[in-house]
Amino acid sequence: MCTPGYGITLDRFMRVAHLLPRQRGNVAVDNYRFVNALLWMCRTGAPWRDLPECYGKWITVCRRFNRWSGNGAMERLFTALQEERIIGVEIRVLAMNSTSVKVHQHAAGAPKKGGSRSVGVSRGGRNTKVRVVSDSGSTLVEIHPGPGNEHDAAHGRRSMAAPGAFMGAHLLMDRAYEGDSTRLLAESFGLTTVVPPKRNRTAP
């Protein structure tokens, strides 16, 4: 059954309804019920199959979620919900790190048709680094790939745009991201950096 207090009222929904894709024809789950289904999922952390029937069929909600995620509607929706102070997302700790992925030999010979393929050459051969920012619950905040031979600090500064939405949070990083420019940028976004100093710092 539906849990009282997990959804939003119709009046609040109408403040963000204009940002959602327009519904055509007779749909099984209208946008209002769909948004409340998403909020129920966010608050409970339950799998899709456990969605209460009062929100509609779970497969219908799941498919629309995937479709809206692809066309940008989900990002617009949750941004508006927070800007209108209808919901609040509290994130106190963020973590930034990267991992190397070795490029398959068959992928290394593909023709380059403009733009970066995010493939670099290092001592380990051709590889790609995937840079990730997540919160304390392992929820993805930002992700982007880059060549494996490029320094983490530059890509870390690029990733700051997404964590910058969470002012007041602590940003955990390893020594690869440590540097004055990275620290100053994080502080400009209202983030508190937690990172071990480089060994060559005279005043850690």
N, C-alpha and C. Protein backbone atom coordinates (compact mmCIF):
# COMPACT_ATOMS: atom_id res chain seq x y z
N MET A 1 0.84 -1.18 0.00
CA MET A 1 0.00 0.00 0.00
C MET A 1 0.88 1.25 0.00
N CYS A 2 0.32 2.37 -0.42
CA CYS A 2 1.07 3.62 -0.49
C CYS A 2 1.32 4.15 0.92
N THR A 3 2.50 4.72 1.11
CA THR A 3 2.88 5.26 2.42
C THR A 3 2.53 6.74 2.47
N PRO A 4 1.68 7.17 3.41
CA PRO A 4 1.32 8.59 3.50
C PRO A 4 2.55 9.45 3.76
N GLY A 5 2.58 10.61 3.13
CA GLY A 5 3.67 11.54 3.37
C GLY A 5 4.88 11.34 2.48
N TYR A 6 4.88 10.28 1.65
CA TYR A 6 6.02 10.03 0.77
C TYR A 6 5.91 10.76 -0.55
N GLY A 7 4.71 11.21 -0.89
CA GLY A 7 4.51 11.90 -2.16
C GLY A 7 4.35 13.40 -1.96
N ILE A 8 3.99 14.09 -3.03
CA ILE A 8 3.76 15.53 -2.97
C ILE A 8 2.31 15.79 -3.37
N THR A 9 1.81 16.94 -2.98
CA THR A 9 0.43 17.29 -3.30
C THR A 9 0.32 17.70 -4.76
N LEU A 10 -0.91 17.72 -5.25
CA LEU A 10 -1.15 18.10 -6.64
C LEU A 10 -0.75 19.55 -6.88
N ASP A 11 -0.97 20.42 -5.90
CA ASP A 11 -0.59 21.84 -6.05
C ASP A 11 0.92 21.97 -6.26
N ARG A 12 1.70 21.23 -5.49
CA ARG A 12 3.15 21.29 -5.65
C ARG A 12 3.59 20.68 -6.97
N PHE A 13 2.93 19.63 -7.38
CA PHE A 13 3.28 19.01 -8.66
C PHE A 13 3.06 19.97 -9.81
N MET A 14 1.99 20.77 -9.76
CA MET A 14 1.70 21.69 -10.86
C MET A 14 2.77 22.75 -11.03
N ARG A 15 3.57 23.00 -9.99
CA ARG A 15 4.66 23.98 -10.10
C ARG A 15 5.81 23.48 -10.96
N VAL A 16 5.90 22.18 -11.18
CA VAL A 16 6.98 21.62 -12.01
C VAL A 16 6.44 20.84 -13.21
N ALA A 17 5.12 20.75 -13.33
CA ALA A 17 4.52 19.93 -14.39
C ALA A 17 4.91 20.38 -15.79
N HIS A 18 5.15 21.69 -15.98
CA HIS A 18 5.46 22.21 -17.31
C HIS A 18 6.82 21.74 -17.82
N LEU A 19 7.65 21.19 -16.94
CA LEU A 19 8.98 20.72 -17.35
C LEU A 19 8.97 19.27 -17.82
N LEU A 20 7.86 18.59 -17.66
CA LEU A 20 7.78 17.16 -17.97
C LEU A 20 7.28 16.93 -19.39
N PRO A 21 7.65 15.80 -19.99
CA PRO A 21 7.15 15.47 -21.33
C PRO A 21 5.64 15.41 -21.35
N ARG A 22 5.08 15.87 -22.44
CA ARG A 22 3.62 15.92 -22.57
C ARG A 22 3.06 14.52 -22.81
N GLN A 23 1.98 14.21 -22.11
CA GLN A 23 1.36 12.89 -22.26
C GLN A 23 0.26 12.95 -23.32
N ARG A 24 0.26 11.94 -24.16
CA ARG A 24 -0.73 11.86 -25.24
C ARG A 24 -1.52 10.58 -25.11
N GLY A 25 -2.82 10.70 -25.34
CA GLY A 25 -3.67 9.52 -25.31
C GLY A 25 -4.01 9.08 -23.89
N ASN A 26 -4.53 7.88 -23.78
CA ASN A 26 -4.95 7.32 -22.50
C ASN A 26 -3.78 6.54 -21.90
N VAL A 27 -3.10 7.12 -20.91
CA VAL A 27 -1.94 6.47 -20.30
C VAL A 27 -2.35 5.80 -19.00
N ALA A 28 -1.67 4.70 -18.67
CA ALA A 28 -2.01 3.95 -17.47
C ALA A 28 -1.56 4.67 -16.21
N VAL A 29 -0.43 5.37 -16.28
CA VAL A 29 0.13 6.10 -15.13
C VAL A 29 0.37 7.54 -15.56
N ASP A 30 -0.38 8.49 -14.97
CA ASP A 30 -0.16 9.89 -15.34
C ASP A 30 1.11 10.41 -14.68
N ASN A 31 1.54 11.59 -15.11
CA ASN A 31 2.81 12.13 -14.63
C ASN A 31 2.80 12.39 -13.13
N TYR A 32 1.67 12.80 -12.59
CA TYR A 32 1.58 13.07 -11.16
C TYR A 32 1.83 11.80 -10.35
N ARG A 33 1.18 10.72 -10.74
CA ARG A 33 1.38 9.46 -10.03
C ARG A 33 2.79 8.92 -10.26
N PHE A 34 3.34 9.17 -11.44
CA PHE A 34 4.70 8.72 -11.75
C PHE A 34 5.72 9.42 -10.86
N VAL A 35 5.58 10.74 -10.69
CA VAL A 35 6.51 11.49 -9.85
C VAL A 35 6.44 11.00 -8.40
N ASN A 36 5.24 10.75 -7.91
CA ASN A 36 5.12 10.24 -6.54
C ASN A 36 5.69 8.83 -6.41
N ALA A 37 5.60 8.04 -7.49
CA ALA A 37 6.23 6.72 -7.47
C ALA A 37 7.74 6.84 -7.36
N LEU A 38 8.32 7.80 -8.08
CA LEU A 38 9.76 8.02 -8.01
C LEU A 38 10.19 8.45 -6.61
N LEU A 39 9.42 9.35 -6.01
CA LEU A 39 9.75 9.81 -4.66
C LEU A 39 9.65 8.68 -3.65
N TRP A 40 8.67 7.78 -3.84
CA TRP A 40 8.57 6.60 -2.97
C TRP A 40 9.81 5.73 -3.12
N MET A 41 10.27 5.55 -4.36
CA MET A 41 11.46 4.74 -4.60
C MET A 41 12.70 5.38 -3.96
N CYS A 42 12.80 6.71 -4.08
CA CYS A 42 13.97 7.41 -3.53
C CYS A 42 14.01 7.30 -2.01
N ARG A 43 12.86 7.39 -1.38
CA ARG A 43 12.82 7.41 0.08
C ARG A 43 12.96 6.02 0.68
N THR A 44 12.52 4.99 -0.01
CA THR A 44 12.56 3.64 0.55
C THR A 44 13.79 2.87 0.08
N GLY A 45 14.31 3.20 -1.13
CA GLY A 45 15.43 2.44 -1.66
C GLY A 45 15.05 1.03 -2.09
N ALA A 46 13.76 0.79 -2.31
CA ALA A 46 13.28 -0.55 -2.66
C ALA A 46 13.51 -0.84 -4.14
N PRO A 47 13.59 -2.11 -4.53
CA PRO A 47 13.69 -2.45 -5.95
C PRO A 47 12.39 -2.15 -6.68
N TRP A 48 12.48 -2.05 -8.00
CA TRP A 48 11.31 -1.68 -8.81
C TRP A 48 10.13 -2.61 -8.56
N ARG A 49 10.38 -3.89 -8.41
CA ARG A 49 9.29 -4.87 -8.29
C ARG A 49 8.49 -4.70 -7.00
N ASP A 50 9.04 -3.98 -6.02
CA ASP A 50 8.33 -3.77 -4.76
C ASP A 50 7.48 -2.51 -4.76
N LEU A 51 7.40 -1.83 -5.89
CA LEU A 51 6.58 -0.61 -5.97
C LEU A 51 5.12 -0.94 -5.68
N PRO A 52 4.46 -0.23 -4.74
CA PRO A 52 3.05 -0.50 -4.43
C PRO A 52 2.16 -0.34 -5.67
N GLU A 53 1.12 -1.14 -5.74
CA GLU A 53 0.23 -1.13 -6.90
C GLU A 53 -0.51 0.19 -7.08
N CYS A 54 -0.64 0.96 -6.01
CA CYS A 54 -1.37 2.23 -6.11
C CYS A 54 -0.63 3.22 -7.02
N TYR A 55 0.66 2.98 -7.28
CA TYR A 55 1.42 3.84 -8.18
C TYR A 55 1.40 3.34 -9.62
N GLY A 56 0.77 2.21 -9.86
CA GLY A 56 0.74 1.63 -11.20
C GLY A 56 1.69 0.45 -11.31
N LYS A 57 1.75 -0.15 -12.49
CA LYS A 57 2.62 -1.30 -12.70
C LYS A 57 4.09 -0.85 -12.63
N TRP A 58 4.89 -1.63 -11.92
CA TRP A 58 6.29 -1.25 -11.72
C TRP A 58 7.05 -1.19 -13.05
N ILE A 59 6.71 -2.06 -13.99
CA ILE A 59 7.43 -2.08 -15.26
C ILE A 59 7.14 -0.82 -16.06
N THR A 60 5.92 -0.29 -15.94
CA THR A 60 5.55 0.96 -16.62
C THR A 60 6.37 2.12 -16.06
N VAL A 61 6.45 2.19 -14.74
CA VAL A 61 7.21 3.25 -14.08
C VAL A 61 8.69 3.12 -14.42
N CYS A 62 9.21 1.91 -14.40
CA CYS A 62 10.63 1.68 -14.67
C CYS A 62 10.99 2.09 -16.10
N ARG A 63 10.16 1.71 -17.05
CA ARG A 63 10.45 2.06 -18.45
C ARG A 63 10.39 3.57 -18.68
N ARG A 64 9.43 4.25 -18.04
CA ARG A 64 9.36 5.70 -18.21
C ARG A 64 10.55 6.37 -17.55
N PHE A 65 10.97 5.84 -16.41
CA PHE A 65 12.16 6.38 -15.75
C PHE A 65 13.38 6.29 -16.68
N ASN A 66 13.57 5.16 -17.32
CA ASN A 66 14.70 4.99 -18.24
C ASN A 66 14.59 5.94 -19.43
N ARG A 67 13.37 6.10 -19.94
CA ARG A 67 13.16 6.99 -21.09
C ARG A 67 13.43 8.45 -20.71
N TRP A 68 12.93 8.87 -19.57
CA TRP A 68 13.13 10.25 -19.13
C TRP A 68 14.59 10.51 -18.75
N SER A 69 15.27 9.49 -18.25
CA SER A 69 16.68 9.67 -17.92
C SER A 69 17.49 9.93 -19.17
N GLY A 70 17.10 9.29 -20.27
CA GLY A 70 17.82 9.45 -21.53
C GLY A 70 17.59 10.79 -22.20
N ASN A 71 16.39 11.37 -22.04
CA ASN A 71 16.09 12.63 -22.73
C ASN A 71 16.25 13.87 -21.84
N GLY A 72 16.75 13.68 -20.61
CA GLY A 72 17.04 14.82 -19.75
C GLY A 72 15.89 15.26 -18.87
N ALA A 73 14.73 14.63 -18.98
CA ALA A 73 13.57 15.07 -18.20
C ALA A 73 13.77 14.82 -16.70
N MET A 74 14.46 13.73 -16.34
CA MET A 74 14.68 13.43 -14.93
C MET A 74 15.54 14.50 -14.27
N GLU A 75 16.57 14.93 -14.96
CA GLU A 75 17.45 15.96 -14.40
C GLU A 75 16.69 17.27 -14.21
N ARG A 76 15.86 17.64 -15.20
CA ARG A 76 15.07 18.87 -15.08
C ARG A 76 14.09 18.76 -13.92
N LEU A 77 13.47 17.59 -13.77
CA LEU A 77 12.46 17.39 -12.73
C LEU A 77 13.06 17.56 -11.34
N PHE A 78 14.14 16.83 -11.04
CA PHE A 78 14.68 16.87 -9.69
C PHE A 78 15.39 18.18 -9.38
N THR A 79 15.91 18.84 -10.41
CA THR A 79 16.46 20.18 -10.20
C THR A 79 15.36 21.15 -9.80
N ALA A 80 14.24 21.08 -10.51
CA ALA A 80 13.12 21.97 -10.21
C ALA A 80 12.51 21.67 -8.85
N LEU A 81 12.41 20.39 -8.49
CA LEU A 81 11.85 20.03 -7.19
C LEU A 81 12.67 20.62 -6.04
N GLN A 82 13.98 20.69 -6.24
CA GLN A 82 14.83 21.26 -5.19
C GLN A 82 14.82 22.79 -5.23
N GLU A 83 14.82 23.37 -6.45
CA GLU A 83 14.78 24.82 -6.55
C GLU A 83 13.48 25.38 -5.99
N GLU A 84 12.38 24.66 -6.18
CA GLU A 84 11.09 25.09 -5.64
C GLU A 84 10.92 24.72 -4.17
N ARG A 85 11.96 24.10 -3.60
CA ARG A 85 11.94 23.68 -2.20
C ARG A 85 10.79 22.73 -1.89
N ILE A 86 10.47 21.88 -2.87
CA ILE A 86 9.45 20.86 -2.66
C ILE A 86 10.07 19.65 -1.99
N ILE A 87 11.28 19.31 -2.39
CA ILE A 87 12.05 18.26 -1.74
C ILE A 87 13.44 18.81 -1.46
N GLY A 88 14.16 18.15 -0.58
CA GLY A 88 15.54 18.54 -0.26
C GLY A 88 16.42 17.31 -0.23
N VAL A 89 17.53 17.35 -0.94
CA VAL A 89 18.50 16.25 -0.95
C VAL A 89 19.71 16.68 -0.14
N GLU A 90 19.97 15.98 0.95
CA GLU A 90 21.08 16.34 1.82
C GLU A 90 22.24 15.36 1.60
N ILE A 91 23.34 15.87 1.12
CA ILE A 91 24.55 15.08 0.93
C ILE A 91 25.67 15.76 1.69
N ARG A 92 26.23 15.08 2.67
CA ARG A 92 27.27 15.67 3.51
C ARG A 92 28.68 15.29 3.07
N VAL A 93 28.81 14.15 2.43
CA VAL A 93 30.15 13.66 2.05
C VAL A 93 30.12 13.20 0.60
N LEU A 94 31.12 13.66 -0.17
CA LEU A 94 31.32 13.22 -1.54
C LEU A 94 32.73 12.64 -1.65
N ALA A 95 32.92 11.70 -2.56
CA ALA A 95 34.23 11.10 -2.79
C ALA A 95 34.55 11.13 -4.28
N MET A 96 35.79 11.47 -4.60
CA MET A 96 36.23 11.55 -5.99
C MET A 96 37.42 10.60 -6.19
N ASN A 97 37.35 9.78 -7.22
CA ASN A 97 38.46 8.86 -7.49
C ASN A 97 38.38 8.40 -8.94
N SER A 98 39.39 7.64 -9.36
CA SER A 98 39.43 7.15 -10.74
C SER A 98 39.95 5.72 -10.76
N THR A 99 39.65 5.03 -11.84
CA THR A 99 40.16 3.68 -12.03
C THR A 99 40.54 3.49 -13.48
N SER A 100 41.59 2.71 -13.72
CA SER A 100 42.08 2.49 -15.08
C SER A 100 41.41 1.26 -15.70
N VAL A 101 41.08 1.38 -16.97
CA VAL A 101 40.48 0.28 -17.72
C VAL A 101 41.34 0.03 -18.95
N LYS A 102 41.90 -1.15 -19.06
CA LYS A 102 42.77 -1.46 -20.19
C LYS A 102 41.94 -1.58 -21.46
N VAL A 103 42.41 -0.93 -22.53
CA VAL A 103 41.68 -0.93 -23.81
C VAL A 103 41.93 -2.24 -24.52
N HIS A 104 40.85 -2.86 -25.00
CA HIS A 104 40.98 -4.11 -25.75
C HIS A 104 41.75 -3.87 -27.04
N GLN A 105 42.55 -4.83 -27.42
CA GLN A 105 43.40 -4.66 -28.60
C GLN A 105 42.61 -4.41 -29.87
N HIS A 106 41.40 -4.93 -29.97
CA HIS A 106 40.58 -4.70 -31.16
C HIS A 106 40.00 -3.29 -31.19
N ALA A 107 39.90 -2.66 -30.03
CA ALA A 107 39.35 -1.30 -29.97
C ALA A 107 40.41 -0.26 -30.26
N ALA A 108 41.67 -0.62 -30.14
CA ALA A 108 42.74 0.36 -30.28
C ALA A 108 42.96 0.80 -31.72
N GLY A 109 42.49 0.02 -32.69
CA GLY A 109 42.76 0.35 -34.08
C GLY A 109 41.61 1.00 -34.81
N ALA A 110 40.59 1.43 -34.06
CA ALA A 110 39.42 2.05 -34.71
C ALA A 110 39.81 3.40 -35.29
N PRO A 111 39.27 3.77 -36.46
CA PRO A 111 39.60 5.07 -37.05
C PRO A 111 39.08 6.21 -36.19
N LYS A 112 39.88 7.26 -36.08
CA LYS A 112 39.51 8.41 -35.27
C LYS A 112 38.72 9.39 -36.13
N LYS A 113 37.45 9.59 -35.79
CA LYS A 113 36.57 10.45 -36.58
C LYS A 113 36.26 11.73 -35.82
N GLY A 114 37.30 12.41 -35.39
CA GLY A 114 37.08 13.66 -34.67
C GLY A 114 36.76 13.44 -33.21
N GLY A 115 37.21 14.34 -32.37
CA GLY A 115 36.95 14.23 -30.95
C GLY A 115 37.89 13.23 -30.28
N SER A 116 37.82 13.18 -28.97
CA SER A 116 38.69 12.30 -28.21
C SER A 116 38.04 10.94 -28.00
N ARG A 117 38.84 9.89 -28.10
CA ARG A 117 38.35 8.54 -27.83
C ARG A 117 38.63 8.13 -26.40
N SER A 118 39.22 9.05 -25.62
CA SER A 118 39.54 8.79 -24.22
C SER A 118 40.47 7.59 -24.07
N VAL A 119 41.41 7.46 -25.00
CA VAL A 119 42.39 6.39 -24.97
C VAL A 119 43.78 7.01 -24.88
N GLY A 120 44.57 6.59 -23.89
CA GLY A 120 45.93 7.08 -23.75
C GLY A 120 46.91 5.94 -23.68
N VAL A 121 48.18 6.26 -23.84
CA VAL A 121 49.24 5.25 -23.80
C VAL A 121 50.13 5.53 -22.61
N SER A 122 50.24 4.56 -21.72
CA SER A 122 51.11 4.67 -20.55
C SER A 122 52.00 3.43 -20.48
N ARG A 123 52.69 3.25 -19.35
CA ARG A 123 53.58 2.09 -19.23
C ARG A 123 52.83 0.77 -19.34
N GLY A 124 51.55 0.78 -18.99
CA GLY A 124 50.76 -0.45 -19.06
C GLY A 124 50.12 -0.68 -20.41
N GLY A 125 50.42 0.19 -21.39
CA GLY A 125 49.80 0.06 -22.71
C GLY A 125 48.67 1.06 -22.88
N ARG A 126 47.76 0.77 -23.81
CA ARG A 126 46.62 1.65 -24.05
C ARG A 126 45.57 1.46 -22.97
N ASN A 127 45.15 2.56 -22.38
CA ASN A 127 44.13 2.45 -21.34
C ASN A 127 43.30 3.72 -21.25
N THR A 128 42.20 3.59 -20.53
CA THR A 128 41.27 4.68 -20.28
C THR A 128 41.07 4.79 -18.78
N LYS A 129 40.93 6.01 -18.29
CA LYS A 129 40.62 6.21 -16.88
C LYS A 129 39.19 6.70 -16.74
N VAL A 130 38.46 6.08 -15.85
CA VAL A 130 37.09 6.48 -15.56
C VAL A 130 37.09 7.25 -14.25
N ARG A 131 36.72 8.53 -14.31
CA ARG A 131 36.67 9.38 -13.12
C ARG A 131 35.25 9.42 -12.58
N VAL A 132 35.11 9.23 -11.27
CA VAL A 132 33.78 9.11 -10.66
C VAL A 132 33.70 9.96 -9.40
N VAL A 133 32.56 10.60 -9.21
CA VAL A 133 32.22 11.27 -7.95
C VAL A 133 30.96 10.61 -7.41
N SER A 134 30.98 10.19 -6.15
CA SER A 134 29.80 9.54 -5.56
C SER A 134 29.59 10.07 -4.15
N ASP A 135 28.39 9.82 -3.62
CA ASP A 135 28.13 10.24 -2.24
C ASP A 135 28.42 9.09 -1.29
N SER A 136 28.14 9.31 0.01
CA SER A 136 28.49 8.31 1.01
C SER A 136 27.66 7.03 0.88
N GLY A 137 26.56 7.10 0.14
CA GLY A 137 25.75 5.92 -0.08
C GLY A 137 26.05 5.23 -1.40
N SER A 138 27.21 5.57 -2.00
CA SER A 138 27.66 5.01 -3.27
C SER A 138 26.75 5.37 -4.43
N THR A 139 26.02 6.48 -4.30
CA THR A 139 25.18 6.96 -5.39
C THR A 139 26.02 7.82 -6.33
N LEU A 140 25.94 7.54 -7.62
CA LEU A 140 26.75 8.24 -8.60
C LEU A 140 26.28 9.69 -8.73
N VAL A 141 27.24 10.63 -8.66
CA VAL A 141 26.94 12.04 -8.84
C VAL A 141 27.47 12.53 -10.18
N GLU A 142 28.68 12.09 -10.57
CA GLU A 142 29.26 12.51 -11.84
C GLU A 142 30.24 11.44 -12.29
N ILE A 143 30.30 11.20 -13.60
CA ILE A 143 31.23 10.23 -14.16
C ILE A 143 31.64 10.69 -15.55
N HIS A 144 32.91 10.55 -15.86
CA HIS A 144 33.36 10.80 -17.24
C HIS A 144 34.69 10.08 -17.48
N PRO A 145 34.88 9.58 -18.70
CA PRO A 145 36.13 8.90 -19.04
C PRO A 145 37.16 9.88 -19.58
N GLY A 146 38.41 9.47 -19.58
CA GLY A 146 39.49 10.28 -20.13
C GLY A 146 40.69 9.39 -20.43
N PRO A 147 41.63 9.89 -21.21
CA PRO A 147 42.83 9.10 -21.52
C PRO A 147 43.58 8.71 -20.24
N GLY A 148 44.12 7.51 -20.22
CA GLY A 148 44.79 7.01 -19.03
C GLY A 148 46.10 7.69 -18.73
N ASN A 149 46.67 8.41 -19.70
CA ASN A 149 47.96 9.06 -19.47
C ASN A 149 47.82 10.53 -19.06
N GLU A 150 46.61 11.00 -18.82
CA GLU A 150 46.40 12.38 -18.39
C GLU A 150 46.25 12.43 -16.87
N HIS A 151 46.74 13.52 -16.27
CA HIS A 151 46.77 13.64 -14.82
C HIS A 151 45.37 13.77 -14.25
N ASP A 152 45.19 13.19 -13.05
CA ASP A 152 43.87 13.20 -12.42
C ASP A 152 43.43 14.59 -11.99
N ALA A 153 44.38 15.47 -11.65
CA ALA A 153 44.01 16.77 -11.09
C ALA A 153 43.18 17.59 -12.08
N ALA A 154 43.59 17.61 -13.35
CA ALA A 154 42.85 18.39 -14.35
C ALA A 154 41.43 17.86 -14.52
N HIS A 155 41.30 16.54 -14.54
CA HIS A 155 39.96 15.95 -14.68
C HIS A 155 39.15 16.13 -13.40
N GLY A 156 39.84 16.19 -12.26
CA GLY A 156 39.14 16.43 -11.00
C GLY A 156 38.49 17.80 -10.99
N ARG A 157 39.19 18.80 -11.54
CA ARG A 157 38.62 20.14 -11.60
C ARG A 157 37.43 20.18 -12.54
N ARG A 158 37.47 19.38 -13.60
CA ARG A 158 36.32 19.30 -14.51
C ARG A 158 35.11 18.70 -13.79
N SER A 159 35.36 17.74 -12.91
CA SER A 159 34.26 17.08 -12.19
C SER A 159 33.64 17.96 -11.12
N MET A 160 34.29 19.08 -10.79
CA MET A 160 33.80 19.94 -9.71
C MET A 160 32.43 20.53 -10.01
N ALA A 161 32.07 20.67 -11.28
CA ALA A 161 30.80 21.32 -11.62
C ALA A 161 29.61 20.58 -11.03
N ALA A 162 29.67 19.23 -11.01
CA ALA A 162 28.57 18.45 -10.45
C ALA A 162 28.54 18.51 -8.93
N PRO A 163 29.67 18.25 -8.22
CA PRO A 163 29.63 18.38 -6.75
C PRO A 163 29.35 19.79 -6.29
N GLY A 164 29.58 20.79 -7.16
CA GLY A 164 29.34 22.17 -6.76
C GLY A 164 27.90 22.45 -6.39
N ALA A 165 26.98 21.55 -6.79
CA ALA A 165 25.57 21.73 -6.44
C ALA A 165 25.30 21.38 -4.97
N PHE A 166 26.28 20.76 -4.30
CA PHE A 166 26.08 20.31 -2.94
C PHE A 166 26.94 21.14 -2.00
N MET A 167 26.59 22.40 -1.83
CA MET A 167 27.37 23.31 -1.00
C MET A 167 27.40 22.83 0.45
N GLY A 168 28.58 22.94 1.07
CA GLY A 168 28.73 22.53 2.45
C GLY A 168 29.17 21.10 2.62
N ALA A 169 29.21 20.32 1.54
CA ALA A 169 29.62 18.92 1.64
C ALA A 169 31.14 18.82 1.75
N HIS A 170 31.61 17.73 2.33
CA HIS A 170 33.03 17.43 2.38
C HIS A 170 33.38 16.58 1.15
N LEU A 171 34.45 16.94 0.47
CA LEU A 171 34.88 16.23 -0.74
C LEU A 171 36.15 15.44 -0.44
N LEU A 172 36.04 14.12 -0.44
CA LEU A 172 37.17 13.24 -0.17
C LEU A 172 37.92 12.96 -1.46
N MET A 173 39.25 13.16 -1.43
CA MET A 173 40.08 12.90 -2.61
C MET A 173 41.40 12.28 -2.16
N ASP A 174 42.08 11.58 -3.07
CA ASP A 174 43.41 11.10 -2.74
C ASP A 174 44.45 12.11 -3.21
N ARG A 175 45.72 11.79 -2.98
CA ARG A 175 46.80 12.75 -3.21
C ARG A 175 46.93 13.15 -4.68
N ALA A 176 46.43 12.34 -5.60
CA ALA A 176 46.54 12.66 -7.03
C ALA A 176 45.79 13.94 -7.39
N TYR A 177 44.76 14.29 -6.61
CA TYR A 177 43.97 15.49 -6.89
C TYR A 177 44.44 16.70 -6.10
N GLU A 178 45.40 16.51 -5.21
CA GLU A 178 45.82 17.59 -4.32
C GLU A 178 46.56 18.67 -5.09
N GLY A 179 46.22 19.92 -4.82
CA GLY A 179 46.87 21.04 -5.47
C GLY A 179 46.14 22.33 -5.12
N ASP A 180 46.85 23.46 -5.18
CA ASP A 180 46.24 24.74 -4.81
C ASP A 180 45.04 25.08 -5.69
N SER A 181 45.17 24.87 -7.01
CA SER A 181 44.08 25.24 -7.91
C SER A 181 42.84 24.38 -7.66
N THR A 182 43.04 23.09 -7.36
CA THR A 182 41.91 22.21 -7.07
C THR A 182 41.24 22.61 -5.77
N ARG A 183 42.04 22.92 -4.75
CA ARG A 183 41.47 23.32 -3.46
C ARG A 183 40.68 24.62 -3.59
N LEU A 184 41.25 25.60 -4.28
CA LEU A 184 40.58 26.90 -4.43
C LEU A 184 39.27 26.76 -5.19
N LEU A 185 39.28 25.91 -6.24
CA LEU A 185 38.06 25.70 -7.01
C LEU A 185 36.99 25.05 -6.14
N ALA A 186 37.38 24.05 -5.35
CA ALA A 186 36.42 23.38 -4.47
C ALA A 186 35.83 24.36 -3.46
N GLU A 187 36.68 25.22 -2.90
CA GLU A 187 36.20 26.21 -1.93
C GLU A 187 35.25 27.21 -2.57
N SER A 188 35.50 27.54 -3.86
CA SER A 188 34.60 28.47 -4.54
C SER A 188 33.21 27.89 -4.73
N PHE A 189 33.11 26.55 -4.76
CA PHE A 189 31.81 25.88 -4.86
C PHE A 189 31.20 25.60 -3.49
N GLY A 190 31.88 26.02 -2.42
CA GLY A 190 31.36 25.78 -1.08
C GLY A 190 31.65 24.40 -0.56
N LEU A 191 32.63 23.70 -1.14
CA LEU A 191 33.00 22.36 -0.71
C LEU A 191 34.22 22.43 0.21
N THR A 192 34.28 21.51 1.17
CA THR A 192 35.44 21.40 2.05
C THR A 192 36.26 20.19 1.61
N THR A 193 37.49 20.42 1.18
CA THR A 193 38.32 19.33 0.68
C THR A 193 38.95 18.56 1.84
N VAL A 194 38.94 17.25 1.72
CA VAL A 194 39.61 16.35 2.66
C VAL A 194 40.55 15.51 1.84
N VAL A 195 41.85 15.88 1.86
CA VAL A 195 42.82 15.25 0.96
C VAL A 195 44.19 15.28 1.63
N PRO A 196 44.96 14.19 1.58
CA PRO A 196 46.31 14.22 2.15
C PRO A 196 47.22 15.13 1.33
N PRO A 197 48.11 15.89 1.98
CA PRO A 197 48.99 16.80 1.24
C PRO A 197 50.08 16.05 0.48
N LYS A 198 50.57 16.68 -0.57
CA LYS A 198 51.69 16.11 -1.30
C LYS A 198 52.93 16.09 -0.40
N ARG A 199 53.83 15.18 -0.69
CA ARG A 199 55.03 15.02 0.14
C ARG A 199 55.96 16.22 0.02
N ASN A 200 55.88 16.97 -1.08
CA ASN A 200 56.80 18.09 -1.27
C ASN A 200 56.25 19.41 -0.72
N ARG A 201 55.11 19.36 -0.03
CA ARG A 201 54.57 20.59 0.55
C ARG A 201 55.37 20.97 1.81
N THR A 202 55.79 22.21 1.86
CA THR A 202 56.54 22.67 3.03
C THR A 202 55.61 22.99 4.19
N ALA A 203 54.37 23.36 3.89
CA ALA A 203 53.40 23.66 4.95
C ALA A 203 52.12 22.90 4.66
N PRO A 204 52.06 21.62 5.08
CA PRO A 204 50.85 20.81 4.79
C PRO A 204 49.61 21.40 5.43
